[in-house]
C-alpha cells in the first residue's frame, strides 16, 4: 500500500507469508458469505 500511497519501493512477500494472507482472505470471504466465523487453516 505504501507504494501506491507514497511511491515507496515495492516489497515482495515470500511464499509462506503470501499463503497465510490468502488463507486469511479466503476465510474472511467465506465468513462474509455464510455469516459465521471461519477457520484460517493455520
PDB file of N, CA and C in Angstrom:
ATOM      1  N   UNK A   1       0.814  -1.191   0.000  1.00  0.00           N
ATOM      2  CA  UNK A   1       0.000   0.000   0.000  1.00  0.00           C
ATOM      3  C   UNK A   1       0.859   1.258   0.000  1.00  0.00           C
ATOM      4  N   UNK A   2       1.993   1.207   0.676  1.00  0.00           N
ATOM      5  CA  UNK A   2       2.843   2.395   0.701  1.00  0.00           C
ATOM      6  C   UNK A   2       3.316   2.782  -0.693  1.00  0.00           C
ATOM      7  N   UNK A   3       3.535   1.783  -1.569  1.00  0.00           N
ATOM      8  CA  UNK A   3       3.982   2.111  -2.924  1.00  0.00           C
ATOM      9  C   UNK A   3       2.919   2.914  -3.663  1.00  0.00           C
ATOM     10  N   UNK A   4       1.660   2.557  -3.444  1.00  0.00           N
ATOM     11  CA  UNK A   4       0.574   3.268  -4.114  1.00  0.00           C
ATOM     12  C   UNK A   4       0.393   4.653  -3.499  1.00  0.00           C
ATOM     13  N   UNK A   5       0.418   4.704  -2.174  1.00  0.00           N
ATOM     14  CA  UNK A   5       0.151   5.966  -1.485  1.00  0.00           C
ATOM     15  C   UNK A   5       1.295   6.963  -1.591  1.00  0.00           C
ATOM     16  N   UNK A   6       2.524   6.484  -1.414  1.00  0.00           N
ATOM     17  CA  UNK A   6       3.651   7.415  -1.296  1.00  0.00           C
ATOM     18  C   UNK A   6       4.742   7.205  -2.334  1.00  0.00           C
ATOM     19  N   UNK A   7       4.607   6.170  -3.169  1.00  0.00           N
ATOM     20  CA  UNK A   7       5.645   5.895  -4.159  1.00  0.00           C
ATOM     21  C   UNK A   7       6.837   5.150  -3.581  1.00  0.00           C
ATOM     22  N   UNK A   8       6.691   4.578  -2.382  1.00  0.00           N
ATOM     23  CA  UNK A   8       7.769   3.813  -1.749  1.00  0.00           C
ATOM     24  C   UNK A   8       8.096   2.582  -2.602  1.00  0.00           C
ATOM     25  N   UNK A   9       9.311   2.051  -2.499  1.00  0.00           N
ATOM     26  CA  UNK A   9       9.675   0.847  -3.269  1.00  0.00           C
ATOM     27  C   UNK A   9       8.764  -0.335  -2.921  1.00  0.00           C
ATOM     28  N   UNK A  10       8.512  -1.172  -3.892  1.00  0.00           N
ATOM     29  CA  UNK A  10       7.672  -2.361  -3.699  1.00  0.00           C
ATOM     30  C   UNK A  10       8.464  -3.402  -2.931  1.00  0.00           C
ATOM     31  N   UNK A  11       7.831  -3.982  -1.898  1.00  0.00           N
ATOM     32  CA  UNK A  11       8.449  -5.084  -1.152  1.00  0.00           C
ATOM     33  C   UNK A  11       7.677  -6.353  -1.490  1.00  0.00           C
ATOM     34  N   UNK A  12       8.376  -7.379  -1.915  1.00  0.00           N
ATOM     35  CA  UNK A  12       7.730  -8.631  -2.277  1.00  0.00           C
ATOM     36  C   UNK A  12       7.504  -9.486  -1.042  1.00  0.00           C
ATOM     37  N   UNK A  13       6.408 -10.225  -1.046  1.00  0.00           N
ATOM     38  CA  UNK A  13       6.061 -11.127   0.054  1.00  0.00           C
ATOM     39  C   UNK A  13       6.598 -12.512  -0.269  1.00  0.00           C
ATOM     40  N   UNK A  14       7.188 -13.179   0.732  1.00  0.00           N
ATOM     41  CA  UNK A  14       7.647 -14.543   0.482  1.00  0.00           C
ATOM     42  C   UNK A  14       6.444 -15.488   0.389  1.00  0.00           C
ATOM     43  N   UNK A  15       6.663 -16.683  -0.085  1.00  0.00           N
ATOM     44  CA  UNK A  15       5.574 -17.627  -0.322  1.00  0.00           C
ATOM     45  C   UNK A  15       4.803 -17.939   0.955  1.00  0.00           C
ATOM     46  N   UNK A  16       5.498 -18.182   2.053  1.00  0.00           N
ATOM     47  CA  UNK A  16       4.849 -18.549   3.310  1.00  0.00           C
ATOM     48  C   UNK A  16       3.915 -17.439   3.803  1.00  0.00           C
ATOM     49  N   UNK A  17       4.391 -16.200   3.776  1.00  0.00           N
ATOM     50  CA  UNK A  17       3.547 -15.077   4.212  1.00  0.00           C
ATOM     51  C   UNK A  17       2.383 -14.864   3.247  1.00  0.00           C
ATOM     52  N   UNK A  18       2.629 -15.039   1.961  1.00  0.00           N
ATOM     53  CA  UNK A  18       1.568 -14.906   0.977  1.00  0.00           C
ATOM     54  C   UNK A  18       0.476 -15.945   1.180  1.00  0.00           C
ATOM     55  N   UNK A  19       0.880 -17.160   1.510  1.00  0.00           N
ATOM     56  CA  UNK A  19      -0.084 -18.229   1.768  1.00  0.00           C
ATOM     57  C   UNK A  19      -0.938 -17.903   2.991  1.00  0.00           C
ATOM     58  N   UNK A  20      -0.315 -17.403   4.055  1.00  0.00           N
ATOM     59  CA  UNK A  20      -1.063 -17.010   5.257  1.00  0.00           C
ATOM     60  C   UNK A  20      -2.076 -15.917   4.927  1.00  0.00           C
ATOM     61  N   UNK A  21      -1.639 -14.938   4.131  1.00  0.00           N
ATOM     62  CA  UNK A  21      -2.526 -13.851   3.738  1.00  0.00           C
ATOM     63  C   UNK A  21      -3.715 -14.381   2.939  1.00  0.00           C
ATOM     64  N   UNK A  22      -3.460 -15.281   2.006  1.00  0.00           N
ATOM     65  CA  UNK A  22      -4.541 -15.817   1.184  1.00  0.00           C
ATOM     66  C   UNK A  22      -5.503 -16.675   2.004  1.00  0.00           C
ATOM     67  N   UNK A  23      -4.973 -17.426   2.970  1.00  0.00           N
ATOM     68  CA  UNK A  23      -5.859 -18.217   3.840  1.00  0.00           C
ATOM     69  C   UNK A  23      -6.761 -17.293   4.656  1.00  0.00           C
ATOM     70  N   UNK A  24      -6.183 -16.205   5.168  1.00  0.00           N
ATOM     71  CA  UNK A  24      -6.967 -15.237   5.928  1.00  0.00           C
ATOM     72  C   UNK A  24      -8.036 -14.597   5.043  1.00  0.00           C
ATOM     73  N   UNK A  25      -7.638 -14.183   3.833  1.00  0.00           N
ATOM     74  CA  UNK A  25      -8.571 -13.533   2.913  1.00  0.00           C
ATOM     75  C   UNK A  25      -9.704 -14.480   2.529  1.00  0.00           C
ATOM     76  N   UNK A  26      -9.373 -15.739   2.271  1.00  0.00           N
ATOM     77  CA  UNK A  26     -10.382 -16.731   1.921  1.00  0.00           C
ATOM     78  C   UNK A  26     -11.346 -16.960   3.086  1.00  0.00           C
ATOM     79  N   UNK A  27     -10.825 -17.060   4.298  1.00  0.00           N
ATOM     80  CA  UNK A  27     -11.681 -17.265   5.474  1.00  0.00           C
ATOM     81  C   UNK A  27     -12.588 -16.053   5.696  1.00  0.00           C
ATOM     82  N   UNK A  28     -12.063 -14.854   5.489  1.00  0.00           N
ATOM     83  CA  UNK A  28     -12.877 -13.644   5.644  1.00  0.00           C
ATOM     84  C   UNK A  28     -14.017 -13.639   4.626  1.00  0.00           C
ATOM     85  N   UNK A  29     -13.715 -14.030   3.393  1.00  0.00           N
ATOM     86  CA  UNK A  29     -14.740 -14.081   2.352  1.00  0.00           C
ATOM     87  C   UNK A  29     -15.802 -15.135   2.679  1.00  0.00           C
ATOM     88  N   UNK A  30     -15.363 -16.323   3.105  1.00  0.00           N
ATOM     89  CA  UNK A  30     -16.327 -17.376   3.475  1.00  0.00           C
ATOM     90  C   UNK A  30     -17.186 -16.933   4.651  1.00  0.00           C
ATOM     91  N   UNK A  31     -16.593 -16.220   5.602  1.00  0.00           N
ATOM     92  CA  UNK A  31     -17.343 -15.709   6.740  1.00  0.00           C
ATOM     93  C   UNK A  31     -18.407 -14.724   6.282  1.00  0.00           C
ATOM     94  N   UNK A  32     -18.039 -13.859   5.344  1.00  0.00           N
ATOM     95  CA  UNK A  32     -18.984 -12.883   4.805  1.00  0.00           C
ATOM     96  C   UNK A  32     -20.134 -13.595   4.088  1.00  0.00           C
ATOM     97  N   UNK A  33     -19.812 -14.652   3.339  1.00  0.00           N
ATOM     98  CA  UNK A  33     -20.838 -15.381   2.598  1.00  0.00           C
ATOM     99  C   UNK A  33     -21.805 -16.114   3.530  1.00  0.00           C
ATOM    100  N   UNK A  34     -21.253 -16.728   4.585  1.00  0.00           N
ATOM    101  CA  UNK A  34     -22.068 -17.578   5.443  1.00  0.00           C
ATOM    102  C   UNK A  34     -22.601 -16.877   6.679  1.00  0.00           C
ATOM    103  N   UNK A  35     -21.970 -15.759   7.064  1.00  0.00           N
ATOM    104  CA  UNK A  35     -22.372 -15.067   8.292  1.00  0.00           C
ATOM    105  C   UNK A  35     -21.862 -15.754   9.550  1.00  0.00           C
ATOM    106  N   UNK A  36     -20.905 -16.681   9.375  1.00  0.00           N
ATOM    107  CA  UNK A  36     -20.362 -17.420  10.510  1.00  0.00           C
ATOM    108  C   UNK A  36     -18.850 -17.345  10.497  1.00  0.00           C
ATOM    109  N   UNK A  37     -18.263 -17.501  11.690  1.00  0.00           N
ATOM    110  CA  UNK A  37     -16.805 -17.499  11.813  1.00  0.00           C
ATOM    111  C   UNK A  37     -16.204 -18.663  11.030  1.00  0.00           C
ATOM    112  N   UNK A  38     -15.045 -18.429  10.453  1.00  0.00           N
ATOM    113  CA  UNK A  38     -14.353 -19.454   9.674  1.00  0.00           C
ATOM    114  C   UNK A  38     -12.938 -19.631  10.196  1.00  0.00           C
ATOM    115  N   UNK A  39     -12.400 -20.827  10.047  1.00  0.00           N
ATOM    116  CA  UNK A  39     -11.026 -21.124  10.433  1.00  0.00           C
ATOM    117  C   UNK A  39     -10.083 -20.707   9.311  1.00  0.00           C
ATOM    118  N   UNK A  40      -8.970 -20.103   9.674  1.00  0.00           N
ATOM    119  CA  UNK A  40      -7.981 -19.679   8.674  1.00  0.00           C
ATOM    120  C   UNK A  40      -7.118 -20.832   8.209  1.00  0.00           C
ATOM    121  N   UNK A  41      -7.227 -21.996   8.820  1.00  0.00           N
ATOM    122  CA  UNK A  41      -6.439 -23.150   8.407  1.00  0.00           C
ATOM    123  C   UNK A  41      -4.977 -23.016   8.696  1.00  0.00           C
ATOM    124  N   UNK A  42      -4.648 -22.513   9.867  1.00  0.00           N
ATOM    125  CA  UNK A  42      -3.232 -22.312  10.230  1.00  0.00           C
ATOM    126  C   UNK A  42      -2.478 -23.584  10.305  1.00  0.00           C
TER     127      UNK A  42
END
